[in-house]
Amino acid sequence: NRFSIAAALAVGDYFGVERAEALAAIAEYVPSNNRSQSQKTLRNLLTVDCYNANPSSMSVAIANHAAVNYPQYPHKVLILGDMLELGEWSREEHERILAEALASDAERVLLVGGCFGSCGVEQERVEHFERVEALCDYLTESPIENAFVLVKGSRGIGLERALEKL
């Protein structure tokens, strides 16, 4: 959100808003729109981005997740939902994103949706679920704990329904 913050500060400068007042307002902002929100649960630290997913945003999110380490959350998990509406590039882009996820330092990669399912990757640290309900059932039976978790997918996949299980 740094570009949005910079734009907000520039608009504030233009309209004569005191910098301290603008910074205080920005510091108080708590996003609630499922767009790159940091969310702490009783067991995990989440980055929640369930509003939109496309190949470039997915790549950046995976790279950002890999670049950060929290000693209190020693495990890293990626929960990735399909990127919808990619048309003829869908399979190729899902395969590329899956390769990036597998190249990251995530211990587990949980995939949701038919597009990721068509990639055909069977590895020990990868689980695939056709629907978010199956993911929720899995998380109930195999809870994730002490993890830094990226939850990212297109809005139509509904990954936000799994947040209460994390």
N, C-alpha and C. Protein backbone atom coordinates (compact mmCIF):
# COMPACT_ATOMS: atom_id res chain seq x y z
N ASN A 1 0.81 -1.22 0.00
CA ASN A 1 0.00 0.00 0.00
C ASN A 1 0.84 1.27 0.00
N ARG A 2 2.14 1.14 -0.15
CA ARG A 2 3.00 2.33 -0.05
C ARG A 2 2.69 3.38 -1.11
N PHE A 3 2.29 2.97 -2.30
CA PHE A 3 1.97 3.95 -3.33
C PHE A 3 0.67 4.69 -2.99
N SER A 4 -0.28 3.98 -2.42
CA SER A 4 -1.52 4.63 -1.99
C SER A 4 -1.25 5.60 -0.85
N ILE A 5 -0.37 5.23 0.06
CA ILE A 5 -0.01 6.13 1.17
C ILE A 5 0.67 7.37 0.63
N ALA A 6 1.60 7.19 -0.30
CA ALA A 6 2.30 8.34 -0.89
C ALA A 6 1.31 9.27 -1.59
N ALA A 7 0.36 8.69 -2.31
CA ALA A 7 -0.65 9.51 -2.99
C ALA A 7 -1.51 10.26 -1.98
N ALA A 8 -1.89 9.59 -0.90
CA ALA A 8 -2.70 10.24 0.14
C ALA A 8 -1.94 11.41 0.77
N LEU A 9 -0.66 11.21 1.03
CA LEU A 9 0.15 12.29 1.60
C LEU A 9 0.28 13.46 0.62
N ALA A 10 0.44 13.16 -0.65
CA ALA A 10 0.54 14.23 -1.66
C ALA A 10 -0.75 15.03 -1.74
N VAL A 11 -1.89 14.35 -1.70
CA VAL A 11 -3.18 15.05 -1.72
C VAL A 11 -3.33 15.89 -0.46
N GLY A 12 -2.92 15.32 0.67
CA GLY A 12 -2.97 16.08 1.92
C GLY A 12 -2.11 17.31 1.86
N ASP A 13 -0.91 17.20 1.31
CA ASP A 13 -0.02 18.36 1.15
C ASP A 13 -0.69 19.42 0.28
N TYR A 14 -1.29 18.97 -0.81
CA TYR A 14 -1.93 19.90 -1.74
C TYR A 14 -3.04 20.71 -1.06
N PHE A 15 -3.80 20.03 -0.19
CA PHE A 15 -4.92 20.70 0.47
C PHE A 15 -4.55 21.27 1.84
N GLY A 16 -3.26 21.28 2.18
CA GLY A 16 -2.81 21.92 3.40
C GLY A 16 -3.03 21.14 4.67
N VAL A 17 -3.19 19.83 4.57
CA VAL A 17 -3.34 19.00 5.77
C VAL A 17 -1.96 18.87 6.41
N GLU A 18 -1.90 19.12 7.72
CA GLU A 18 -0.63 19.00 8.44
C GLU A 18 -0.10 17.57 8.30
N ARG A 19 1.19 17.43 8.08
CA ARG A 19 1.79 16.11 7.86
C ARG A 19 1.55 15.19 9.05
N ALA A 20 1.70 15.70 10.27
CA ALA A 20 1.48 14.86 11.47
C ALA A 20 0.05 14.35 11.52
N GLU A 21 -0.90 15.19 11.15
CA GLU A 21 -2.31 14.79 11.14
C GLU A 21 -2.57 13.71 10.08
N ALA A 22 -1.96 13.89 8.91
CA ALA A 22 -2.12 12.91 7.83
C ALA A 22 -1.50 11.57 8.22
N LEU A 23 -0.31 11.62 8.82
CA LEU A 23 0.35 10.37 9.25
C LEU A 23 -0.44 9.66 10.34
N ALA A 24 -1.04 10.43 11.24
CA ALA A 24 -1.86 9.83 12.29
C ALA A 24 -3.08 9.14 11.68
N ALA A 25 -3.69 9.78 10.70
CA ALA A 25 -4.86 9.18 10.05
C ALA A 25 -4.49 7.89 9.32
N ILE A 26 -3.35 7.90 8.65
CA ILE A 26 -2.89 6.70 7.94
C ILE A 26 -2.59 5.58 8.94
N ALA A 27 -1.98 5.92 10.06
CA ALA A 27 -1.63 4.91 11.07
C ALA A 27 -2.88 4.27 11.67
N GLU A 28 -3.98 4.99 11.71
CA GLU A 28 -5.22 4.46 12.28
C GLU A 28 -6.02 3.61 11.30
N TYR A 29 -5.69 3.68 10.03
CA TYR A 29 -6.44 2.94 9.02
C TYR A 29 -6.24 1.43 9.20
N VAL A 30 -7.32 0.72 9.28
CA VAL A 30 -7.29 -0.75 9.34
C VAL A 30 -8.12 -1.27 8.17
N PRO A 31 -7.46 -1.86 7.17
CA PRO A 31 -8.23 -2.36 6.02
C PRO A 31 -9.13 -3.52 6.42
N SER A 32 -10.28 -3.58 5.78
CA SER A 32 -11.21 -4.68 6.05
C SER A 32 -11.82 -5.19 4.76
N ASN A 33 -11.04 -5.11 3.69
CA ASN A 33 -11.59 -5.47 2.39
C ASN A 33 -10.90 -6.69 1.76
N ASN A 34 -10.20 -7.48 2.58
CA ASN A 34 -9.52 -8.68 2.11
C ASN A 34 -8.45 -8.39 1.06
N ARG A 35 -7.82 -7.24 1.16
CA ARG A 35 -6.75 -6.88 0.24
C ARG A 35 -5.45 -6.69 1.01
N SER A 36 -4.61 -7.69 1.00
CA SER A 36 -3.30 -7.66 1.65
C SER A 36 -3.36 -7.23 3.10
N GLN A 37 -4.32 -7.74 3.82
CA GLN A 37 -4.47 -7.44 5.24
C GLN A 37 -3.58 -8.37 6.05
N SER A 38 -2.96 -7.81 7.07
CA SER A 38 -2.28 -8.63 8.05
C SER A 38 -3.29 -8.94 9.14
N GLN A 39 -3.41 -10.21 9.48
CA GLN A 39 -4.40 -10.62 10.46
C GLN A 39 -3.78 -11.66 11.39
N LYS A 40 -3.84 -11.39 12.68
CA LYS A 40 -3.31 -12.32 13.68
C LYS A 40 -4.46 -13.13 14.24
N THR A 41 -4.28 -14.44 14.28
CA THR A 41 -5.27 -15.32 14.89
C THR A 41 -4.67 -15.89 16.17
N LEU A 42 -5.38 -16.75 16.85
CA LEU A 42 -4.85 -17.36 18.07
C LEU A 42 -3.65 -18.25 17.78
N ARG A 43 -3.53 -18.74 16.53
CA ARG A 43 -2.47 -19.70 16.20
C ARG A 43 -1.49 -19.23 15.14
N ASN A 44 -1.86 -18.23 14.32
CA ASN A 44 -1.05 -17.90 13.15
C ASN A 44 -1.06 -16.41 12.85
N LEU A 45 -0.15 -16.03 11.96
CA LEU A 45 -0.15 -14.69 11.39
C LEU A 45 -0.47 -14.85 9.91
N LEU A 46 -1.50 -14.15 9.44
CA LEU A 46 -1.97 -14.30 8.07
C LEU A 46 -1.74 -13.02 7.27
N THR A 47 -1.47 -13.19 6.00
CA THR A 47 -1.62 -12.13 5.02
C THR A 47 -2.81 -12.56 4.18
N VAL A 48 -3.89 -11.79 4.25
CA VAL A 48 -5.14 -12.15 3.61
C VAL A 48 -5.35 -11.27 2.38
N ASP A 49 -5.42 -11.90 1.22
CA ASP A 49 -5.67 -11.19 -0.02
C ASP A 49 -6.62 -12.04 -0.86
N CYS A 50 -7.88 -12.03 -0.45
CA CYS A 50 -8.90 -12.87 -1.08
C CYS A 50 -9.80 -12.08 -2.02
N TYR A 51 -9.39 -10.88 -2.37
CA TYR A 51 -10.25 -10.04 -3.18
C TYR A 51 -9.97 -10.20 -4.67
N ASN A 52 -8.70 -10.34 -5.02
CA ASN A 52 -8.34 -10.39 -6.43
C ASN A 52 -7.05 -11.19 -6.58
N ALA A 53 -6.92 -11.89 -7.68
CA ALA A 53 -5.68 -12.60 -7.96
C ALA A 53 -5.47 -12.65 -9.47
N ASN A 54 -4.29 -12.27 -9.85
CA ASN A 54 -3.86 -12.38 -11.24
C ASN A 54 -2.40 -12.80 -11.21
N PRO A 55 -1.83 -13.18 -12.32
CA PRO A 55 -0.46 -13.69 -12.30
C PRO A 55 0.56 -12.73 -11.66
N SER A 56 0.48 -11.45 -11.97
CA SER A 56 1.48 -10.54 -11.40
C SER A 56 1.28 -10.34 -9.91
N SER A 57 0.04 -10.18 -9.45
CA SER A 57 -0.18 -9.99 -8.01
C SER A 57 0.15 -11.26 -7.23
N MET A 58 -0.09 -12.41 -7.82
CA MET A 58 0.22 -13.67 -7.16
C MET A 58 1.74 -13.82 -7.02
N SER A 59 2.48 -13.50 -8.07
CA SER A 59 3.94 -13.59 -8.02
C SER A 59 4.51 -12.68 -6.94
N VAL A 60 4.03 -11.45 -6.90
CA VAL A 60 4.52 -10.49 -5.91
C VAL A 60 4.17 -10.95 -4.50
N ALA A 61 2.97 -11.44 -4.29
CA ALA A 61 2.57 -11.91 -2.97
C ALA A 61 3.43 -13.08 -2.50
N ILE A 62 3.72 -14.00 -3.37
CA ILE A 62 4.58 -15.14 -3.02
C ILE A 62 5.99 -14.66 -2.70
N ALA A 63 6.51 -13.76 -3.50
CA ALA A 63 7.86 -13.22 -3.25
C ALA A 63 7.92 -12.45 -1.94
N ASN A 64 6.90 -11.64 -1.66
CA ASN A 64 6.87 -10.89 -0.40
C ASN A 64 6.79 -11.84 0.79
N HIS A 65 5.98 -12.86 0.67
CA HIS A 65 5.84 -13.85 1.74
C HIS A 65 7.19 -14.52 2.01
N ALA A 66 7.92 -14.84 0.96
CA ALA A 66 9.22 -15.50 1.11
C ALA A 66 10.27 -14.57 1.70
N ALA A 67 10.11 -13.27 1.48
CA ALA A 67 11.12 -12.30 1.93
C ALA A 67 11.03 -11.97 3.42
N VAL A 68 9.95 -12.37 4.07
CA VAL A 68 9.72 -11.99 5.46
C VAL A 68 9.78 -13.23 6.35
N ASN A 69 10.43 -13.07 7.48
CA ASN A 69 10.49 -14.15 8.47
C ASN A 69 10.10 -13.61 9.84
N TYR A 70 9.29 -14.35 10.54
CA TYR A 70 8.87 -14.01 11.89
C TYR A 70 9.28 -15.16 12.81
N PRO A 71 10.22 -14.93 13.73
CA PRO A 71 10.66 -16.02 14.61
C PRO A 71 9.52 -16.68 15.39
N GLN A 72 8.49 -15.90 15.76
CA GLN A 72 7.38 -16.47 16.52
C GLN A 72 6.45 -17.31 15.64
N TYR A 73 6.62 -17.22 14.31
CA TYR A 73 5.84 -18.02 13.37
C TYR A 73 6.83 -18.74 12.45
N PRO A 74 7.45 -19.81 12.94
CA PRO A 74 8.54 -20.44 12.19
C PRO A 74 8.12 -21.22 10.94
N HIS A 75 6.85 -21.51 10.80
CA HIS A 75 6.38 -22.27 9.64
C HIS A 75 5.77 -21.32 8.62
N LYS A 76 5.98 -21.63 7.35
CA LYS A 76 5.39 -20.83 6.28
C LYS A 76 4.47 -21.71 5.44
N VAL A 77 3.28 -21.15 5.16
CA VAL A 77 2.27 -21.89 4.41
C VAL A 77 1.68 -20.95 3.35
N LEU A 78 1.49 -21.47 2.17
CA LEU A 78 0.79 -20.75 1.10
C LEU A 78 -0.56 -21.42 0.88
N ILE A 79 -1.63 -20.65 0.94
CA ILE A 79 -2.96 -21.13 0.56
C ILE A 79 -3.35 -20.29 -0.65
N LEU A 80 -3.35 -20.92 -1.81
CA LEU A 80 -3.57 -20.21 -3.07
C LEU A 80 -4.83 -20.72 -3.75
N GLY A 81 -5.71 -19.79 -4.10
CA GLY A 81 -6.90 -20.12 -4.85
C GLY A 81 -6.72 -19.77 -6.31
N ASP A 82 -7.50 -20.39 -7.15
CA ASP A 82 -7.42 -20.14 -8.59
C ASP A 82 -7.47 -18.65 -8.92
N MET A 83 -6.79 -18.32 -10.00
CA MET A 83 -6.89 -16.99 -10.61
C MET A 83 -7.92 -17.14 -11.73
N LEU A 84 -9.04 -16.54 -11.54
CA LEU A 84 -10.15 -16.73 -12.48
C LEU A 84 -10.05 -15.76 -13.66
N GLU A 85 -10.73 -16.11 -14.72
CA GLU A 85 -10.90 -15.27 -15.91
C GLU A 85 -9.59 -14.98 -16.64
N LEU A 86 -8.70 -15.98 -16.73
CA LEU A 86 -7.45 -15.82 -17.47
C LEU A 86 -7.56 -16.32 -18.90
N GLY A 87 -8.67 -16.96 -19.22
CA GLY A 87 -8.88 -17.42 -20.60
C GLY A 87 -7.86 -18.45 -21.03
N GLU A 88 -7.38 -18.31 -22.25
CA GLU A 88 -6.50 -19.32 -22.83
C GLU A 88 -5.15 -19.44 -22.14
N TRP A 89 -4.79 -18.46 -21.29
CA TRP A 89 -3.51 -18.50 -20.59
C TRP A 89 -3.63 -19.13 -19.20
N SER A 90 -4.81 -19.58 -18.84
CA SER A 90 -5.05 -20.05 -17.48
C SER A 90 -4.11 -21.17 -17.05
N ARG A 91 -4.06 -22.23 -17.81
CA ARG A 91 -3.22 -23.37 -17.40
C ARG A 91 -1.75 -22.96 -17.29
N GLU A 92 -1.26 -22.27 -18.29
CA GLU A 92 0.14 -21.85 -18.29
C GLU A 92 0.46 -20.98 -17.08
N GLU A 93 -0.42 -20.02 -16.78
CA GLU A 93 -0.17 -19.11 -15.65
C GLU A 93 -0.29 -19.83 -14.31
N HIS A 94 -1.24 -20.75 -14.18
CA HIS A 94 -1.35 -21.50 -12.93
C HIS A 94 -0.13 -22.40 -12.73
N GLU A 95 0.37 -22.99 -13.79
CA GLU A 95 1.58 -23.81 -13.69
C GLU A 95 2.78 -22.95 -13.29
N ARG A 96 2.88 -21.76 -13.85
CA ARG A 96 4.00 -20.86 -13.51
C ARG A 96 3.93 -20.43 -12.04
N ILE A 97 2.74 -20.07 -11.58
CA ILE A 97 2.57 -19.66 -10.19
C ILE A 97 2.86 -20.83 -9.26
N LEU A 98 2.42 -22.01 -9.62
CA LEU A 98 2.70 -23.18 -8.80
C LEU A 98 4.21 -23.43 -8.72
N ALA A 99 4.91 -23.26 -9.81
CA ALA A 99 6.37 -23.42 -9.80
C ALA A 99 7.01 -22.39 -8.86
N GLU A 100 6.52 -21.16 -8.89
CA GLU A 100 7.04 -20.14 -7.98
C GLU A 100 6.75 -20.50 -6.53
N ALA A 101 5.57 -21.00 -6.26
CA ALA A 101 5.22 -21.41 -4.90
C ALA A 101 6.14 -22.54 -4.42
N LEU A 102 6.39 -23.49 -5.29
CA LEU A 102 7.25 -24.62 -4.92
C LEU A 102 8.71 -24.21 -4.78
N ALA A 103 9.12 -23.15 -5.45
CA ALA A 103 10.49 -22.64 -5.33
C ALA A 103 10.66 -21.77 -4.09
N SER A 104 9.56 -21.39 -3.46
CA SER A 104 9.63 -20.54 -2.27
C SER A 104 9.99 -21.39 -1.05
N ASP A 105 10.11 -20.74 0.09
CA ASP A 105 10.46 -21.44 1.31
C ASP A 105 9.24 -21.96 2.08
N ALA A 106 8.09 -21.97 1.46
CA ALA A 106 6.88 -22.47 2.13
C ALA A 106 7.00 -23.97 2.40
N GLU A 107 6.66 -24.35 3.62
CA GLU A 107 6.68 -25.76 3.98
C GLU A 107 5.51 -26.52 3.38
N ARG A 108 4.39 -25.80 3.25
CA ARG A 108 3.18 -26.42 2.71
C ARG A 108 2.55 -25.46 1.71
N VAL A 109 1.98 -26.05 0.66
CA VAL A 109 1.26 -25.30 -0.36
C VAL A 109 -0.10 -25.95 -0.51
N LEU A 110 -1.14 -25.20 -0.16
CA LEU A 110 -2.51 -25.69 -0.26
C LEU A 110 -3.18 -24.95 -1.40
N LEU A 111 -3.67 -25.68 -2.38
CA LEU A 111 -4.24 -25.12 -3.59
C LEU A 111 -5.74 -25.37 -3.62
N VAL A 112 -6.49 -24.36 -4.06
CA VAL A 112 -7.95 -24.50 -4.12
C VAL A 112 -8.44 -24.12 -5.51
N GLY A 113 -9.19 -25.02 -6.14
CA GLY A 113 -9.81 -24.74 -7.44
C GLY A 113 -9.37 -25.68 -8.53
N GLY A 114 -10.20 -25.74 -9.54
CA GLY A 114 -9.95 -26.64 -10.66
C GLY A 114 -8.77 -26.25 -11.52
N CYS A 115 -8.47 -24.97 -11.63
CA CYS A 115 -7.33 -24.54 -12.47
C CYS A 115 -6.03 -25.05 -11.90
N PHE A 116 -5.83 -24.87 -10.59
CA PHE A 116 -4.63 -25.42 -9.96
C PHE A 116 -4.67 -26.95 -10.01
N GLY A 117 -5.84 -27.52 -9.90
CA GLY A 117 -5.98 -28.97 -9.94
C GLY A 117 -5.52 -29.56 -11.26
N SER A 118 -5.70 -28.81 -12.34
CA SER A 118 -5.30 -29.31 -13.65
C SER A 118 -3.79 -29.29 -13.86
N CYS A 119 -3.05 -28.69 -12.93
CA CYS A 119 -1.59 -28.63 -13.05
C CYS A 119 -0.94 -29.98 -12.78
N GLY A 120 -1.64 -30.85 -12.08
CA GLY A 120 -1.18 -32.22 -11.90
C GLY A 120 0.06 -32.41 -11.06
N VAL A 121 0.34 -31.53 -10.13
CA VAL A 121 1.53 -31.69 -9.30
C VAL A 121 1.19 -32.53 -8.08
N GLU A 122 1.94 -33.57 -7.92
CA GLU A 122 1.77 -34.41 -6.73
C GLU A 122 3.11 -34.42 -6.00
N GLN A 123 3.15 -33.64 -4.94
CA GLN A 123 4.34 -33.59 -4.10
C GLN A 123 3.91 -33.67 -2.65
N GLU A 124 4.83 -34.07 -1.80
CA GLU A 124 4.52 -34.28 -0.40
C GLU A 124 4.00 -33.01 0.27
N ARG A 125 4.52 -31.87 -0.06
CA ARG A 125 4.11 -30.63 0.64
C ARG A 125 2.96 -29.90 -0.04
N VAL A 126 2.36 -30.51 -1.06
CA VAL A 126 1.25 -29.88 -1.79
C VAL A 126 -0.04 -30.66 -1.56
N GLU A 127 -1.11 -29.92 -1.25
CA GLU A 127 -2.45 -30.50 -1.16
C GLU A 127 -3.35 -29.70 -2.09
N HIS A 128 -4.25 -30.39 -2.74
CA HIS A 128 -5.19 -29.72 -3.64
C HIS A 128 -6.62 -30.00 -3.21
N PHE A 129 -7.46 -28.96 -3.31
CA PHE A 129 -8.87 -29.06 -2.95
C PHE A 129 -9.68 -28.42 -4.07
N GLU A 130 -10.68 -29.10 -4.55
CA GLU A 130 -11.52 -28.54 -5.62
C GLU A 130 -12.30 -27.33 -5.14
N ARG A 131 -12.74 -27.36 -3.88
CA ARG A 131 -13.59 -26.28 -3.35
C ARG A 131 -13.09 -25.86 -1.97
N VAL A 132 -13.43 -24.65 -1.58
CA VAL A 132 -12.99 -24.12 -0.30
C VAL A 132 -13.57 -24.91 0.87
N GLU A 133 -14.73 -25.51 0.70
CA GLU A 133 -15.32 -26.31 1.78
C GLU A 133 -14.42 -27.50 2.12
N ALA A 134 -13.83 -28.10 1.11
CA ALA A 134 -12.91 -29.22 1.34
C ALA A 134 -11.65 -28.73 2.06
N LEU A 135 -11.18 -27.54 1.72
CA LEU A 135 -10.05 -26.95 2.44
C LEU A 135 -10.41 -26.76 3.91
N CYS A 136 -11.60 -26.24 4.17
CA CYS A 136 -12.05 -26.01 5.56
C CYS A 136 -12.09 -27.32 6.34
N ASP A 137 -12.59 -28.37 5.72
CA ASP A 137 -12.62 -29.68 6.38
C ASP A 137 -11.20 -30.14 6.70
N TYR A 138 -10.29 -29.97 5.75
CA TYR A 138 -8.90 -30.35 5.94
C TYR A 138 -8.27 -29.57 7.10
N LEU A 139 -8.51 -28.25 7.14
CA LEU A 139 -7.94 -27.42 8.19
C LEU A 139 -8.51 -27.76 9.57
N THR A 140 -9.73 -28.25 9.61
CA THR A 140 -10.32 -28.71 10.88
C THR A 140 -9.60 -29.97 11.35
N GLU A 141 -9.32 -30.88 10.44
CA GLU A 141 -8.66 -32.15 10.78
C GLU A 141 -7.15 -32.00 10.97
N SER A 142 -6.54 -31.07 10.23
CA SER A 142 -5.08 -30.86 10.27
C SER A 142 -4.80 -29.38 10.47
N PRO A 143 -4.99 -28.88 11.69
CA PRO A 143 -4.84 -27.45 11.94
C PRO A 143 -3.42 -26.96 11.64
N ILE A 144 -3.35 -25.74 11.18
CA ILE A 144 -2.07 -25.06 10.96
C ILE A 144 -1.80 -24.23 12.20
N GLU A 145 -0.57 -24.36 12.73
CA GLU A 145 -0.22 -23.63 13.94
C GLU A 145 1.18 -23.05 13.82
N ASN A 146 1.38 -21.89 14.47
CA ASN A 146 2.68 -21.22 14.51
C ASN A 146 3.21 -20.95 13.11
N ALA A 147 2.33 -20.49 12.24
CA ALA A 147 2.71 -20.30 10.84
C ALA A 147 2.42 -18.88 10.37
N PHE A 148 3.23 -18.46 9.43
CA PHE A 148 3.00 -17.25 8.66
C PHE A 148 2.35 -17.73 7.37
N VAL A 149 1.08 -17.36 7.17
CA VAL A 149 0.27 -17.94 6.09
C VAL A 149 -0.15 -16.86 5.10
N LEU A 150 0.11 -17.09 3.83
CA LEU A 150 -0.43 -16.25 2.77
C LEU A 150 -1.70 -16.91 2.27
N VAL A 151 -2.81 -16.17 2.28
CA VAL A 151 -4.09 -16.65 1.77
C VAL A 151 -4.45 -15.75 0.60
N LYS A 152 -4.31 -16.26 -0.63
CA LYS A 152 -4.52 -15.41 -1.81
C LYS A 152 -5.23 -16.18 -2.90
N GLY A 153 -6.25 -15.53 -3.48
CA GLY A 153 -6.98 -16.12 -4.58
C GLY A 153 -8.03 -15.16 -5.11
N SER A 154 -8.60 -15.48 -6.23
CA SER A 154 -9.66 -14.66 -6.80
C SER A 154 -10.88 -14.67 -5.89
N ARG A 155 -11.61 -13.60 -5.91
CA ARG A 155 -12.79 -13.42 -5.06
C ARG A 155 -13.79 -14.57 -5.23
N GLY A 156 -13.95 -15.04 -6.45
CA GLY A 156 -14.91 -16.09 -6.73
C GLY A 156 -14.60 -17.43 -6.07
N ILE A 157 -13.38 -17.64 -5.61
CA ILE A 157 -13.01 -18.88 -4.94
C ILE A 157 -13.51 -18.88 -3.50
N GLY A 158 -13.58 -17.72 -2.86
CA GLY A 158 -14.14 -17.62 -1.51
C GLY A 158 -13.21 -18.06 -0.40
N LEU A 159 -11.92 -17.83 -0.54
CA LEU A 159 -10.96 -18.26 0.49
C LEU A 159 -11.22 -17.63 1.85
N GLU A 160 -11.89 -16.48 1.89
CA GLU A 160 -12.17 -15.85 3.18
C GLU A 160 -12.98 -16.76 4.11
N ARG A 161 -13.69 -17.72 3.54
CA ARG A 161 -14.47 -18.65 4.36
C ARG A 161 -13.58 -19.61 5.15
N ALA A 162 -12.31 -19.71 4.78
CA ALA A 162 -11.38 -20.59 5.50
C ALA A 162 -10.64 -19.87 6.63
N LEU A 163 -10.76 -18.56 6.72
CA LEU A 163 -9.98 -17.80 7.69
C LEU A 163 -10.25 -18.23 9.13
N GLU A 164 -11.48 -18.53 9.45
CA GLU A 164 -11.81 -18.91 10.82
C GLU A 164 -11.15 -20.23 11.22
N LYS A 165 -10.70 -21.00 10.27
CA LYS A 165 -10.03 -22.28 10.54
C LYS A 165 -8.54 -22.09 10.79
N LEU A 166 -8.05 -20.89 10.56
CA LEU A 166 -6.63 -20.62 10.70
C LEU A 166 -6.32 -19.93 12.02
